[in-house]
Amino acid sequence: MKDERLAEWVRTWQKTGAELEKLRREKIRNEKTSEAIVALSDASRAALLRNRLLPTSGLVEMQKWFKLLRKANDIKR
């Protein structure tokens, strides 16, 4: 009896999951792009105000570390 109830529960959630996915896709499809852009724009501005931008990507610093590691491990090019 317990296995039957579990199997029924699994089937129910499989069907429900498919329906929920349809609803999610429909909601995304019907979303107003302009409103989404405005919402994301505000979030981006808020993040920029709270966090300072770095002057570099860090690539130069990473290359310096690689050079030090190469020297430390005596690896030749």
Protein backbone atom coordinates (compact mmCIF):
# COMPACT_ATOMS: atom_id res chain seq x y z
CA MET A 1 0.00 0.00 0.00
CA LYS A 2 2.79 2.40 0.89
CA ASP A 3 4.57 1.77 -2.43
CA GLU A 4 1.35 2.47 -4.33
CA ARG A 5 0.89 5.79 -2.54
CA LEU A 6 4.50 6.72 -3.23
CA ALA A 7 4.12 5.84 -6.92
CA GLU A 8 0.92 7.92 -7.08
CA TRP A 9 2.72 10.82 -5.39
CA VAL A 10 5.55 10.61 -7.94
CA ARG A 11 3.12 10.55 -10.88
CA THR A 12 1.23 13.52 -9.43
CA TRP A 13 4.40 15.59 -9.12
CA GLN A 14 5.58 14.60 -12.57
CA LYS A 15 2.32 15.88 -14.03
CA THR A 16 2.31 18.95 -11.79
CA GLY A 17 5.95 19.70 -12.63
CA ALA A 18 5.17 19.68 -16.33
CA GLU A 19 2.22 22.04 -15.78
CA LEU A 20 4.32 24.35 -13.61
CA GLU A 21 6.99 24.45 -16.31
CA LYS A 22 4.37 25.42 -18.91
CA LEU A 23 3.17 28.23 -16.64
CA ARG A 24 6.73 29.42 -16.06
CA ARG A 25 7.48 29.52 -19.78
CA GLU A 26 4.22 31.32 -20.50
CA LYS A 27 4.98 33.91 -17.84
CA ILE A 28 8.44 34.50 -19.31
CA ARG A 29 7.01 34.75 -22.83
CA ASN A 30 4.39 37.29 -21.73
CA GLU A 31 6.77 39.41 -19.67
CA LYS A 32 7.06 42.98 -20.83
CA THR A 33 10.66 43.43 -21.93
CA SER A 34 10.70 47.17 -21.31
CA GLU A 35 9.62 46.73 -17.67
CA ALA A 36 12.22 44.02 -17.14
CA ILE A 37 14.95 46.27 -18.57
CA VAL A 38 13.95 49.11 -16.25
CA ALA A 39 13.96 46.79 -13.22
CA LEU A 40 17.37 45.36 -14.11
CA SER A 41 18.73 48.81 -14.86
CA ASP A 42 17.81 50.00 -11.37
CA ALA A 43 19.43 46.92 -9.83
CA SER A 44 22.60 47.48 -11.87
CA ARG A 45 22.81 51.11 -10.80
CA ALA A 46 22.36 50.13 -7.14
CA ALA A 47 25.14 47.53 -7.40
CA LEU A 48 27.49 50.06 -8.99
CA LEU A 49 26.78 52.57 -6.24
CA ARG A 50 27.56 50.02 -3.52
CA ASN A 51 30.65 48.48 -5.10
CA ARG A 52 33.59 50.30 -6.58
CA LEU A 53 34.83 49.31 -9.99
CA LEU A 54 38.33 47.90 -10.21
CA PRO A 55 40.77 49.76 -12.45
CA THR A 56 41.89 46.51 -14.14
CA SER A 57 40.57 43.04 -14.85
CA GLY A 58 43.32 41.46 -12.76
CA LEU A 59 44.94 39.80 -15.75
CA VAL A 60 48.26 41.65 -15.31
CA GLU A 61 48.37 40.72 -11.62
CA MET A 62 47.59 37.10 -12.45
CA GLN A 63 50.44 37.00 -14.97
CA LYS A 64 52.81 38.33 -12.27
CA TRP A 65 51.75 35.51 -9.96
CA PHE A 66 52.29 32.94 -12.72
CA LYS A 67 55.78 34.35 -13.30
CA LEU A 68 56.57 34.02 -9.58
CA LEU A 69 55.24 30.46 -9.52
CA ARG A 70 57.27 29.57 -12.60
CA LYS A 71 60.42 30.91 -10.93
CA ALA A 72 59.61 29.18 -7.64
CA ASN A 73 59.14 25.85 -9.38
CA ASP A 74 62.04 26.42 -11.77
CA ILE A 75 59.88 25.89 -14.82
CA LYS A 76 61.41 27.01 -18.07
CA ARG A 77 59.46 28.25 -21.10
